PDB file of N, CA and C in Angstrom:
ATOM      1  N   MET A   1     -36.016 -22.889  17.131  1.00  0.00           N
ATOM      2  CA  MET A   1     -37.034 -22.888  18.150  1.00  0.00           C
ATOM      3  C   MET A   1     -38.369 -23.290  17.519  1.00  0.00           C
ATOM      4  N   LEU A   2     -39.038 -24.243  18.134  1.00  0.00           N
ATOM      5  CA  LEU A   2     -40.341 -24.679  17.660  1.00  0.00           C
ATOM      6  C   LEU A   2     -41.423 -23.789  18.249  1.00  0.00           C
ATOM      7  N   GLU A   3     -42.434 -23.517  17.443  1.00  0.00           N
ATOM      8  CA  GLU A   3     -43.493 -22.616  17.869  1.00  0.00           C
ATOM      9  C   GLU A   3     -44.842 -23.278  17.678  1.00  0.00           C
ATOM     10  N   ASN A   4     -45.691 -23.169  18.670  1.00  0.00           N
ATOM     11  CA  ASN A   4     -47.052 -23.667  18.600  1.00  0.00           C
ATOM     12  C   ASN A   4     -47.980 -22.467  18.734  1.00  0.00           C
ATOM     13  N   ARG A   5     -48.859 -22.286  17.770  1.00  0.00           N
ATOM     14  CA  ARG A   5     -49.793 -21.156  17.816  1.00  0.00           C
ATOM     15  C   ARG A   5     -51.133 -21.641  18.347  1.00  0.00           C
ATOM     16  N   ILE A   6     -51.729 -20.817  19.210  1.00  0.00           N
ATOM     17  CA  ILE A   6     -53.020 -21.180  19.776  1.00  0.00           C
ATOM     18  C   ILE A   6     -53.970 -19.992  19.670  1.00  0.00           C
ATOM     19  N   GLY A   7     -55.127 -20.250  19.061  1.00  0.00           N
ATOM     20  CA  GLY A   7     -56.121 -19.204  18.874  1.00  0.00           C
ATOM     21  C   GLY A   7     -57.012 -19.062  20.091  1.00  0.00           C
ATOM     22  N   ILE A   8     -57.294 -17.820  20.463  1.00  0.00           N
ATOM     23  CA  ILE A   8     -58.135 -17.528  21.622  1.00  0.00           C
ATOM     24  C   ILE A   8     -59.289 -16.627  21.192  1.00  0.00           C
ATOM     25  N   ILE A   9     -60.504 -17.109  21.360  1.00  0.00           N
ATOM     26  CA  ILE A   9     -61.683 -16.284  21.119  1.00  0.00           C
ATOM     27  C   ILE A   9     -61.813 -15.354  22.318  1.00  0.00           C
ATOM     28  N   MET A  10     -61.774 -14.056  22.066  1.00  0.00           N
ATOM     29  CA  MET A  10     -61.882 -13.068  23.147  1.00  0.00           C
ATOM     30  C   MET A  10     -63.187 -12.299  22.963  1.00  0.00           C
ATOM     31  N   ASN A  11     -64.221 -12.773  23.634  1.00  0.00           N
ATOM     32  CA  ASN A  11     -65.558 -12.223  23.498  1.00  0.00           C
ATOM     33  C   ASN A  11     -65.768 -11.040  24.447  1.00  0.00           C
ATOM     34  N   GLY A  12     -66.244  -9.932  23.909  1.00  0.00           N
ATOM     35  CA  GLY A  12     -66.595  -8.782  24.734  1.00  0.00           C
ATOM     36  C   GLY A  12     -65.437  -7.929  25.199  1.00  0.00           C
ATOM     37  N   VAL A  13     -64.343  -7.919  24.467  1.00  0.00           N
ATOM     38  CA  VAL A  13     -63.166  -7.171  24.929  1.00  0.00           C
ATOM     39  C   VAL A  13     -63.157  -5.699  24.512  1.00  0.00           C
ATOM     40  N   THR A  14     -64.246  -5.196  23.957  1.00  0.00           N
ATOM     41  CA  THR A  14     -64.259  -3.780  23.587  1.00  0.00           C
ATOM     42  C   THR A  14     -64.568  -2.877  24.778  1.00  0.00           C
ATOM     43  N   GLY A  15     -65.004  -3.445  25.876  1.00  0.00           N
ATOM     44  CA  GLY A  15     -65.232  -2.659  27.091  1.00  0.00           C
ATOM     45  C   GLY A  15     -63.908  -2.307  27.759  1.00  0.00           C
ATOM     46  N   ARG A  16     -63.963  -1.395  28.717  1.00  0.00           N
ATOM     47  CA  ARG A  16     -62.751  -0.907  29.383  1.00  0.00           C
ATOM     48  C   ARG A  16     -61.935  -2.033  30.014  1.00  0.00           C
ATOM     49  N   MET A  17     -62.538  -2.848  30.848  1.00  0.00           N
ATOM     50  CA  MET A  17     -61.797  -3.934  31.509  1.00  0.00           C
ATOM     51  C   MET A  17     -61.305  -4.957  30.490  1.00  0.00           C
ATOM     52  N   GLY A  18     -62.164  -5.313  29.558  1.00  0.00           N
ATOM     53  CA  GLY A  18     -61.775  -6.298  28.557  1.00  0.00           C
ATOM     54  C   GLY A  18     -60.584  -5.843  27.738  1.00  0.00           C
ATOM     55  N   THR A  19     -60.593  -4.571  27.350  1.00  0.00           N
ATOM     56  CA  THR A  19     -59.486  -4.036  26.556  1.00  0.00           C
ATOM     57  C   THR A  19     -58.226  -3.865  27.388  1.00  0.00           C
ATOM     58  N   GLN A  20     -58.335  -3.113  28.467  1.00  0.00           N
ATOM     59  CA  GLN A  20     -57.141  -2.749  29.237  1.00  0.00           C
ATOM     60  C   GLN A  20     -56.516  -3.930  29.975  1.00  0.00           C
ATOM     61  N   GLN A  21     -57.319  -4.616  30.763  1.00  0.00           N
ATOM     62  CA  GLN A  21     -56.768  -5.660  31.620  1.00  0.00           C
ATOM     63  C   GLN A  21     -56.514  -6.964  30.868  1.00  0.00           C
ATOM     64  N   HIS A  22     -57.501  -7.417  30.138  1.00  0.00           N
ATOM     65  CA  HIS A  22     -57.408  -8.751  29.549  1.00  0.00           C
ATOM     66  C   HIS A  22     -56.692  -8.774  28.202  1.00  0.00           C
ATOM     67  N   LEU A  23     -57.059  -7.874  27.309  1.00  0.00           N
ATOM     68  CA  LEU A  23     -56.431  -7.881  25.989  1.00  0.00           C
ATOM     69  C   LEU A  23     -55.024  -7.285  26.031  1.00  0.00           C
ATOM     70  N   LEU A  24     -54.908  -6.039  26.457  1.00  0.00           N
ATOM     71  CA  LEU A  24     -53.614  -5.349  26.378  1.00  0.00           C
ATOM     72  C   LEU A  24     -52.591  -5.851  27.393  1.00  0.00           C
ATOM     73  N   ARG A  25     -52.984  -5.946  28.651  1.00  0.00           N
ATOM     74  CA  ARG A  25     -52.013  -6.280  29.698  1.00  0.00           C
ATOM     75  C   ARG A  25     -51.763  -7.772  29.857  1.00  0.00           C
ATOM     76  N   SER A  26     -52.575  -8.582  29.226  1.00  0.00           N
ATOM     77  CA  SER A  26     -52.389 -10.029  29.362  1.00  0.00           C
ATOM     78  C   SER A  26     -52.052 -10.670  28.018  1.00  0.00           C
ATOM     79  N   VAL A  27     -53.054 -10.866  27.184  1.00  0.00           N
ATOM     80  CA  VAL A  27     -52.859 -11.631  25.948  1.00  0.00           C
ATOM     81  C   VAL A  27     -51.891 -10.947  24.983  1.00  0.00           C
ATOM     82  N   LEU A  28     -52.081  -9.665  24.714  1.00  0.00           N
ATOM     83  CA  LEU A  28     -51.174  -9.001  23.777  1.00  0.00           C
ATOM     84  C   LEU A  28     -49.785  -8.812  24.365  1.00  0.00           C
ATOM     85  N   ALA A  29     -49.696  -8.681  25.673  1.00  0.00           N
ATOM     86  CA  ALA A  29     -48.372  -8.599  26.309  1.00  0.00           C
ATOM     87  C   ALA A  29     -47.608  -9.902  26.092  1.00  0.00           C
ATOM     88  N   ILE A  30     -48.291 -11.026  26.212  1.00  0.00           N
ATOM     89  CA  ILE A  30     -47.655 -12.327  25.957  1.00  0.00           C
ATOM     90  C   ILE A  30     -47.220 -12.411  24.498  1.00  0.00           C
ATOM     91  N   ARG A  31     -48.112 -12.025  23.596  1.00  0.00           N
ATOM     92  CA  ARG A  31     -47.786 -12.051  22.165  1.00  0.00           C
ATOM     93  C   ARG A  31     -46.581 -11.167  21.863  1.00  0.00           C
ATOM     94  N   ASP A  32     -46.594  -9.947  22.396  1.00  0.00           N
ATOM     95  CA  ASP A  32     -45.536  -8.987  22.097  1.00  0.00           C
ATOM     96  C   ASP A  32     -44.184  -9.375  22.696  1.00  0.00           C
ATOM     97  N   GLU A  33     -44.201 -10.216  23.718  1.00  0.00           N
ATOM     98  CA  GLU A  33     -42.956 -10.708  24.319  1.00  0.00           C
ATOM     99  C   GLU A  33     -42.450 -11.981  23.635  1.00  0.00           C
ATOM    100  N   GLY A  34     -43.120 -12.380  22.556  1.00  0.00           N
ATOM    101  CA  GLY A  34     -42.677 -13.560  21.819  1.00  0.00           C
ATOM    102  C   GLY A  34     -43.298 -14.854  22.282  1.00  0.00           C
ATOM    103  N   GLY A  35     -44.390 -14.779  23.010  1.00  0.00           N
ATOM    104  CA  GLY A  35     -45.089 -15.975  23.455  1.00  0.00           C
ATOM    105  C   GLY A  35     -44.593 -16.476  24.796  1.00  0.00           C
ATOM    106  N   LEU A  36     -45.034 -17.678  25.129  1.00  0.00           N
ATOM    107  CA  LEU A  36     -44.656 -18.314  26.389  1.00  0.00           C
ATOM    108  C   LEU A  36     -43.633 -19.401  26.124  1.00  0.00           C
ATOM    109  N   ALA A  37     -42.539 -19.363  26.839  1.00  0.00           N
ATOM    110  CA  ALA A  37     -41.522 -20.409  26.713  1.00  0.00           C
ATOM    111  C   ALA A  37     -41.984 -21.640  27.483  1.00  0.00           C
ATOM    112  N   VAL A  38     -41.877 -22.796  26.834  1.00  0.00           N
ATOM    113  CA  VAL A  38     -42.191 -24.070  27.483  1.00  0.00           C
ATOM    114  C   VAL A  38     -40.993 -25.000  27.324  1.00  0.00           C
ATOM    115  N   LYS A  39     -41.132 -26.237  27.720  1.00  0.00           N
ATOM    116  CA  LYS A  39     -40.018 -27.190  27.696  1.00  0.00           C
ATOM    117  C   LYS A  39     -39.376 -27.327  26.314  1.00  0.00           C
ATOM    118  N   ASN A  40     -38.134 -27.734  26.334  1.00  0.00           N
ATOM    119  CA  ASN A  40     -37.380 -28.050  25.117  1.00  0.00           C
ATOM    120  C   ASN A  40     -37.239 -26.882  24.148  1.00  0.00           C
ATOM    121  N   GLY A  41     -37.259 -25.667  24.656  1.00  0.00           N
ATOM    122  CA  GLY A  41     -37.073 -24.503  23.802  1.00  0.00           C
ATOM    123  C   GLY A  41     -38.272 -24.150  22.947  1.00  0.00           C
ATOM    124  N   LYS A  42     -39.395 -24.783  23.185  1.00  0.00           N
ATOM    125  CA  LYS A  42     -40.603 -24.474  22.419  1.00  0.00           C
ATOM    126  C   LYS A  42     -41.264 -23.224  22.980  1.00  0.00           C
ATOM    127  N   ARG A  43     -42.079 -22.597  22.131  1.00  0.00           N
ATOM    128  CA  ARG A  43     -42.827 -21.407  22.540  1.00  0.00           C
ATOM    129  C   ARG A  43     -44.282 -21.562  22.104  1.00  0.00           C
ATOM    130  N   ILE A  44     -45.168 -21.034  22.909  1.00  0.00           N
ATOM    131  CA  ILE A  44     -46.583 -20.975  22.561  1.00  0.00           C
ATOM    132  C   ILE A  44     -46.903 -19.525  22.232  1.00  0.00           C
ATOM    133  N   MET A  45     -47.364 -19.300  21.009  1.00  0.00           N
ATOM    134  CA  MET A  45     -47.762 -17.962  20.565  1.00  0.00           C
ATOM    135  C   MET A  45     -49.284 -17.866  20.602  1.00  0.00           C
ATOM    136  N   VAL A  46     -49.788 -16.832  21.236  1.00  0.00           N
ATOM    137  CA  VAL A  46     -51.229 -16.630  21.312  1.00  0.00           C
ATOM    138  C   VAL A  46     -51.689 -15.774  20.139  1.00  0.00           C
ATOM    139  N   GLU A  47     -52.836 -16.153  19.592  1.00  0.00           N
ATOM    140  CA  GLU A  47     -53.431 -15.409  18.480  1.00  0.00           C
ATOM    141  C   GLU A  47     -54.874 -15.078  18.840  1.00  0.00           C
ATOM    142  N   PRO A  48     -55.107 -13.883  19.360  1.00  0.00           N
ATOM    143  CA  PRO A  48     -56.467 -13.523  19.750  1.00  0.00           C
ATOM    144  C   PRO A  48     -57.358 -13.239  18.546  1.00  0.00           C
ATOM    145  N   VAL A  49     -58.624 -13.594  18.700  1.00  0.00           N
ATOM    146  CA  VAL A  49     -59.659 -13.214  17.747  1.00  0.00           C
ATOM    147  C   VAL A  49     -60.678 -12.416  18.557  1.00  0.00           C
ATOM    148  N   LEU A  50     -60.839 -11.152  18.212  1.00  0.00           N
ATOM    149  CA  LEU A  50     -61.745 -10.277  18.948  1.00  0.00           C
ATOM    150  C   LEU A  50     -63.177 -10.507  18.486  1.00  0.00           C
ATOM    151  N   VAL A  51     -64.091 -10.677  19.441  1.00  0.00           N
ATOM    152  CA  VAL A  51     -65.494 -10.927  19.117  1.00  0.00           C
ATOM    153  C   VAL A  51     -66.362  -9.984  19.941  1.00  0.00           C
ATOM    154  N   GLY A  52     -67.365  -9.417  19.284  1.00  0.00           N
ATOM    155  CA  GLY A  52     -68.280  -8.520  19.976  1.00  0.00           C
ATOM    156  C   GLY A  52     -69.405  -8.089  19.061  1.00  0.00           C
ATOM    157  N   ARG A  53     -70.190  -7.129  19.525  1.00  0.00           N
ATOM    158  CA  ARG A  53     -71.364  -6.678  18.775  1.00  0.00           C
ATOM    159  C   ARG A  53     -71.086  -5.512  17.842  1.00  0.00           C
ATOM    160  N   ASP A  54     -70.099  -4.705  18.154  1.00  0.00           N
ATOM    161  CA  ASP A  54     -69.869  -3.447  17.435  1.00  0.00           C
ATOM    162  C   ASP A  54     -68.674  -3.572  16.488  1.00  0.00           C
ATOM    163  N   SER A  55     -68.962  -3.720  15.201  1.00  0.00           N
ATOM    164  CA  SER A  55     -67.889  -3.924  14.223  1.00  0.00           C
ATOM    165  C   SER A  55     -66.933  -2.736  14.152  1.00  0.00           C
ATOM    166  N   THR A  56     -67.433  -1.531  14.365  1.00  0.00           N
ATOM    167  CA  THR A  56     -66.570  -0.349  14.326  1.00  0.00           C
ATOM    168  C   THR A  56     -65.541  -0.393  15.450  1.00  0.00           C
ATOM    169  N   LYS A  57     -65.988  -0.714  16.658  1.00  0.00           N
ATOM    170  CA  LYS A  57     -65.073  -0.818  17.799  1.00  0.00           C
ATOM    171  C   LYS A  57     -64.080  -1.961  17.598  1.00  0.00           C
ATOM    172  N   LEU A  58     -64.569  -3.095  17.116  1.00  0.00           N
ATOM    173  CA  LEU A  58     -63.690  -4.249  16.910  1.00  0.00           C
ATOM    174  C   LEU A  58     -62.604  -3.945  15.886  1.00  0.00           C
ATOM    175  N   LEU A  59     -62.999  -3.357  14.764  1.00  0.00           N
ATOM    176  CA  LEU A  59     -62.036  -3.016  13.722  1.00  0.00           C
ATOM    177  C   LEU A  59     -60.996  -2.030  14.245  1.00  0.00           C
ATOM    178  N   SER A  60     -61.443  -1.015  14.950  1.00  0.00           N
ATOM    179  CA  SER A  60     -60.527  -0.016  15.496  1.00  0.00           C
ATOM    180  C   SER A  60     -59.540  -0.651  16.475  1.00  0.00           C
ATOM    181  N   LEU A  61     -60.035  -1.466  17.371  1.00  0.00           N
ATOM    182  CA  LEU A  61     -59.184  -2.134  18.358  1.00  0.00           C
ATOM    183  C   LEU A  61     -58.190  -3.063  17.668  1.00  0.00           C
ATOM    184  N   ALA A  62     -58.661  -3.811  16.690  1.00  0.00           N
ATOM    185  CA  ALA A  62     -57.783  -4.728  15.954  1.00  0.00           C
ATOM    186  C   ALA A  62     -56.684  -3.961  15.220  1.00  0.00           C
ATOM    187  N   GLU A  63     -57.045  -2.889  14.543  1.00  0.00           N
ATOM    188  CA  GLU A  63     -56.052  -2.103  13.802  1.00  0.00           C
ATOM    189  C   GLU A  63     -55.040  -1.437  14.732  1.00  0.00           C
ATOM    190  N   GLN A  64     -55.499  -0.918  15.852  1.00  0.00           N
ATOM    191  CA  GLN A  64     -54.605  -0.239  16.802  1.00  0.00           C
ATOM    192  C   GLN A  64     -53.554  -1.176  17.384  1.00  0.00           C
ATOM    193  N   HIS A  65     -53.910  -2.456  17.514  1.00  0.00           N
ATOM    194  CA  HIS A  65     -53.038  -3.379  18.245  1.00  0.00           C
ATOM    195  C   HIS A  65     -52.540  -4.565  17.417  1.00  0.00           C
ATOM    196  N   GLY A  66     -52.696  -4.482  16.115  1.00  0.00           N
ATOM    197  CA  GLY A  66     -52.149  -5.519  15.251  1.00  0.00           C
ATOM    198  C   GLY A  66     -52.784  -6.889  15.413  1.00  0.00           C
ATOM    199  N   VAL A  67     -54.079  -6.900  15.710  1.00  0.00           N
ATOM    200  CA  VAL A  67     -54.810  -8.164  15.812  1.00  0.00           C
ATOM    201  C   VAL A  67     -55.403  -8.458  14.442  1.00  0.00           C
ATOM    202  N   ARG A  68     -55.084  -9.619  13.906  1.00  0.00           N
ATOM    203  CA  ARG A  68     -55.471  -9.933  12.527  1.00  0.00           C
ATOM    204  C   ARG A  68     -56.945 -10.257  12.336  1.00  0.00           C
ATOM    205  N   ARG A  69     -57.559 -10.886  13.339  1.00  0.00           N
ATOM    206  CA  ARG A  69     -58.936 -11.352  13.145  1.00  0.00           C
ATOM    207  C   ARG A  69     -59.885 -10.751  14.171  1.00  0.00           C
ATOM    208  N   TRP A  70     -61.085 -10.475  13.692  1.00  0.00           N
ATOM    209  CA  TRP A  70     -62.169 -10.042  14.568  1.00  0.00           C
ATOM    210  C   TRP A  70     -63.477 -10.466  13.926  1.00  0.00           C
ATOM    211  N   SER A  71     -64.548 -10.530  14.727  1.00  0.00           N
ATOM    212  CA  SER A  71     -65.832 -10.974  14.205  1.00  0.00           C
ATOM    213  C   SER A  71     -66.973 -10.482  15.084  1.00  0.00           C
ATOM    214  N   THR A  72     -68.123 -10.294  14.467  1.00  0.00           N
ATOM    215  CA  THR A  72     -69.345 -10.023  15.222  1.00  0.00           C
ATOM    216  C   THR A  72     -70.200 -11.285  15.314  1.00  0.00           C
ATOM    217  N   ASP A  73     -69.688 -12.392  14.813  1.00  0.00           N
ATOM    218  CA  ASP A  73     -70.428 -13.656  14.790  1.00  0.00           C
ATOM    219  C   ASP A  73     -69.785 -14.662  15.744  1.00  0.00           C
ATOM    220  N   LEU A  74     -70.272 -14.686  16.981  1.00  0.00           N
ATOM    221  CA  LEU A  74     -69.716 -15.606  17.969  1.00  0.00           C
ATOM    222  C   LEU A  74     -69.877 -17.053  17.527  1.00  0.00           C
ATOM    223  N   GLY A  75     -71.030 -17.389  16.964  1.00  0.00           N
ATOM    224  CA  GLY A  75     -71.267 -18.760  16.519  1.00  0.00           C
ATOM    225  C   GLY A  75     -70.225 -19.237  15.525  1.00  0.00           C
ATOM    226  N   GLU A  76     -69.866 -18.385  14.598  1.00  0.00           N
ATOM    227  CA  GLU A  76     -68.848 -18.729  13.601  1.00  0.00           C
ATOM    228  C   GLU A  76     -67.500 -19.002  14.263  1.00  0.00           C
ATOM    229  N   THR A  77     -67.113 -18.163  15.190  1.00  0.00           N
ATOM    230  CA  THR A  77     -65.817 -18.380  15.844  1.00  0.00           C
ATOM    231  C   THR A  77     -65.850 -19.626  16.716  1.00  0.00           C
ATOM    232  N   LEU A  78     -66.978 -19.904  17.346  1.00  0.00           N
ATOM    233  CA  LEU A  78     -67.076 -21.115  18.168  1.00  0.00           C
ATOM    234  C   LEU A  78     -66.992 -22.381  17.318  1.00  0.00           C
ATOM    235  N   ARG A  79     -67.389 -22.310  16.065  1.00  0.00           N
ATOM    236  CA  ARG A  79     -67.301 -23.477  15.169  1.00  0.00           C
ATOM    237  C   ARG A  79     -65.907 -23.665  14.577  1.00  0.00           C
ATOM    238  N   ASP A  80     -65.028 -22.717  14.761  1.00  0.00           N
ATOM    239  CA  ASP A  80     -63.689 -22.782  14.175  1.00  0.00           C
ATOM    240  C   ASP A  80     -62.795 -23.706  15.005  1.00  0.00           C
ATOM    241  N   PRO A  81     -62.367 -24.843  14.433  1.00  0.00           N
ATOM    242  CA  PRO A  81     -61.524 -25.782  15.191  1.00  0.00           C
ATOM    243  C   PRO A  81     -60.131 -25.232  15.497  1.00  0.00           C
ATOM    244  N   GLY A  82     -59.729 -24.177  14.834  1.00  0.00           N
ATOM    245  CA  GLY A  82     -58.431 -23.568  15.089  1.00  0.00           C
ATOM    246  C   GLY A  82     -58.436 -22.602  16.266  1.00  0.00           C
ATOM    247  N   LEU A  83     -59.588 -22.487  16.908  1.00  0.00           N
ATOM    248  CA  LEU A  83     -59.731 -21.587  18.061  1.00  0.00           C
ATOM    249  C   LEU A  83     -60.221 -22.401  19.262  1.00  0.00           C
ATOM    250  N   PRO A  84     -59.320 -23.081  19.958  1.00  0.00           N
ATOM    251  CA  PRO A  84     -59.747 -23.983  21.031  1.00  0.00           C
ATOM    252  C   PRO A  84     -60.085 -23.315  22.363  1.00  0.00           C
ATOM    253  N   ILE A  85     -59.704 -22.056  22.535  1.00  0.00           N
ATOM    254  CA  ILE A  85     -59.889 -21.400  23.830  1.00  0.00           C
ATOM    255  C   ILE A  85     -60.902 -20.269  23.708  1.00  0.00           C
ATOM    256  N   PHE A  86     -61.798 -20.195  24.696  1.00  0.00           N
ATOM    257  CA  PHE A  86     -62.809 -19.139  24.756  1.00  0.00           C
ATOM    258  C   PHE A  86     -62.585 -18.325  26.019  1.00  0.00           C
ATOM    259  N   PHE A  87     -62.549 -17.006  25.866  1.00  0.00           N
ATOM    260  CA  PHE A  87     -62.440 -16.094  27.000  1.00  0.00           C
ATOM    261  C   PHE A  87     -63.584 -15.102  26.906  1.00  0.00           C
ATOM    262  N   ASP A  88     -64.292 -14.892  28.009  1.00  0.00           N
ATOM    263  CA  ASP A  88     -65.426 -13.985  27.995  1.00  0.00           C
ATOM    264  C   ASP A  88     -65.188 -12.788  28.898  1.00  0.00           C
ATOM    265  N   ALA A  89     -65.317 -11.597  28.336  1.00  0.00           N
ATOM    266  CA  ALA A  89     -65.148 -10.359  29.096  1.00  0.00           C
ATOM    267  C   ALA A  89     -66.420  -9.519  29.064  1.00  0.00           C
ATOM    268  N   THR A  90     -67.549 -10.167  28.796  1.00  0.00           N
ATOM    269  CA  THR A  90     -68.808  -9.425  28.784  1.00  0.00           C
ATOM    270  C   THR A  90     -69.255  -9.156  30.223  1.00  0.00           C
ATOM    271  N   THR A  91     -70.362  -8.454  30.356  1.00  0.00           N
ATOM    272  CA  THR A  91     -70.883  -8.164  31.690  1.00  0.00           C
ATOM    273  C   THR A  91     -71.364  -9.448  32.361  1.00  0.00           C
ATOM    274  N   THR A  92     -71.365  -9.439  33.662  1.00  0.00           N
ATOM    275  CA  THR A  92     -71.705 -10.630  34.438  1.00  0.00           C
ATOM    276  C   THR A  92     -73.065 -11.194  34.051  1.00  0.00           C
ATOM    277  N   ASP A  93     -74.040 -10.351  33.814  1.00  0.00           N
ATOM    278  CA  ASP A  93     -75.381 -10.837  33.483  1.00  0.00           C
ATOM    279  C   ASP A  93     -75.447 -11.515  32.115  1.00  0.00           C
ATOM    280  N   MET A  94     -74.498 -11.270  31.251  1.00  0.00           N
ATOM    281  CA  MET A  94     -74.475 -11.885  29.918  1.00  0.00           C
ATOM    282  C   MET A  94     -73.590 -13.129  29.861  1.00  0.00           C
ATOM    283  N   ARG A  95     -72.700 -13.265  30.798  1.00  0.00           N
ATOM    284  CA  ARG A  95     -71.642 -14.272  30.738  1.00  0.00           C
ATOM    285  C   ARG A  95     -72.153 -15.707  30.676  1.00  0.00           C
ATOM    286  N   SER A  96     -73.126 -16.053  31.477  1.00  0.00           N
ATOM    287  CA  SER A  96     -73.600 -17.432  31.555  1.00  0.00           C
ATOM    288  C   SER A  96     -74.001 -17.973  30.184  1.00  0.00           C
ATOM    289  N   ASN A  97     -74.752 -17.203  29.437  1.00  0.00           N
ATOM    290  CA  ASN A  97     -75.191 -17.628  28.109  1.00  0.00           C
ATOM    291  C   ASN A  97     -74.009 -17.888  27.180  1.00  0.00           C
ATOM    292  N   PHE A  98     -73.040 -16.991  27.174  1.00  0.00           N
ATOM    293  CA  PHE A  98     -71.884 -17.150  26.286  1.00  0.00           C
ATOM    294  C   PHE A  98     -71.010 -18.334  26.695  1.00  0.00           C
ATOM    295  N   VAL A  99     -70.813 -18.508  27.985  1.00  0.00           N
ATOM    296  CA  VAL A  99     -69.991 -19.626  28.455  1.00  0.00           C
ATOM    297  C   VAL A  99     -70.671 -20.956  28.128  1.00  0.00           C
ATOM    298  N   LYS A 100     -71.981 -21.032  28.277  1.00  0.00           N
ATOM    299  CA  LYS A 100     -72.713 -22.259  27.922  1.00  0.00           C
ATOM    300  C   LYS A 100     -72.546 -22.573  26.437  1.00  0.00           C
ATOM    301  N   GLN A 101     -72.593 -21.553  25.593  1.00  0.00           N
ATOM    302  CA  GLN A 101     -72.391 -21.764  24.153  1.00  0.00           C
ATOM    303  C   GLN A 101     -70.985 -22.293  23.874  1.00  0.00           C
ATOM    304  N   ALA A 102     -70.009 -21.726  24.551  1.00  0.00           N
ATOM    305  CA  ALA A 102     -68.619 -22.155  24.350  1.00  0.00           C
ATOM    306  C   ALA A 102     -68.415 -23.595  24.806  1.00  0.00           C
ATOM    307  N   ILE A 103     -68.985 -23.954  25.942  1.00  0.00           N
ATOM    308  CA  ILE A 103     -68.871 -25.331  26.437  1.00  0.00           C
ATOM    309  C   ILE A 103     -69.529 -26.290  25.457  1.00  0.00           C
ATOM    310  N   ALA A 104     -70.715 -25.931  24.971  1.00  0.00           N
ATOM    311  CA  ALA A 104     -71.418 -26.782  24.003  1.00  0.00           C
ATOM    312  C   ALA A 104     -70.609 -26.957  22.720  1.00  0.00           C
ATOM    313  N   ALA A 105     -69.801 -25.960  22.381  1.00  0.00           N
ATOM    314  CA  ALA A 105     -68.966 -26.027  21.175  1.00  0.00           C
ATOM    315  C   ALA A 105     -67.633 -26.728  21.437  1.00  0.00           C
ATOM    316  N   GLY A 106     -67.415 -27.183  22.669  1.00  0.00           N
ATOM    317  CA  GLY A 106     -66.189 -27.914  22.992  1.00  0.00           C
ATOM    318  C   GLY A 106     -64.980 -27.036  23.256  1.00  0.00           C
ATOM    319  N   LYS A 107     -65.220 -25.779  23.580  1.00  0.00           N
ATOM    320  CA  LYS A 107     -64.100 -24.866  23.855  1.00  0.00           C
ATOM    321  C   LYS A 107     -63.690 -24.969  25.317  1.00  0.00           C
ATOM    322  N   HIS A 108     -62.477 -24.525  25.589  1.00  0.00           N
ATOM    323  CA  HIS A 108     -61.939 -24.562  26.955  1.00  0.00           C
ATOM    324  C   HIS A 108     -61.863 -23.162  27.508  1.00  0.00           C
TER     325      HIS A 108
END
């Protein structure tokens, strides 16, 4: 079986909705089920990178759920060509700024 790994920047997932709904019930559920099956027996494996302001919360969340990467530097993750997807779970009033940064960095 061929596997394609795709990195996802997950900004602001230390909040309740970001953690419960988006990280645990969506992205990590896909990862834990072995990825997404696509044509010809291939699979897409998601690799989240947790991004936020609080390093203590990020480290704890990453350790609890087996997430290898986390960062408090959004700019650094946006410059990483191995992370083509940006997901924002911050509060509505903060979202516009982060999404504009992601678009400027060529993220989807």
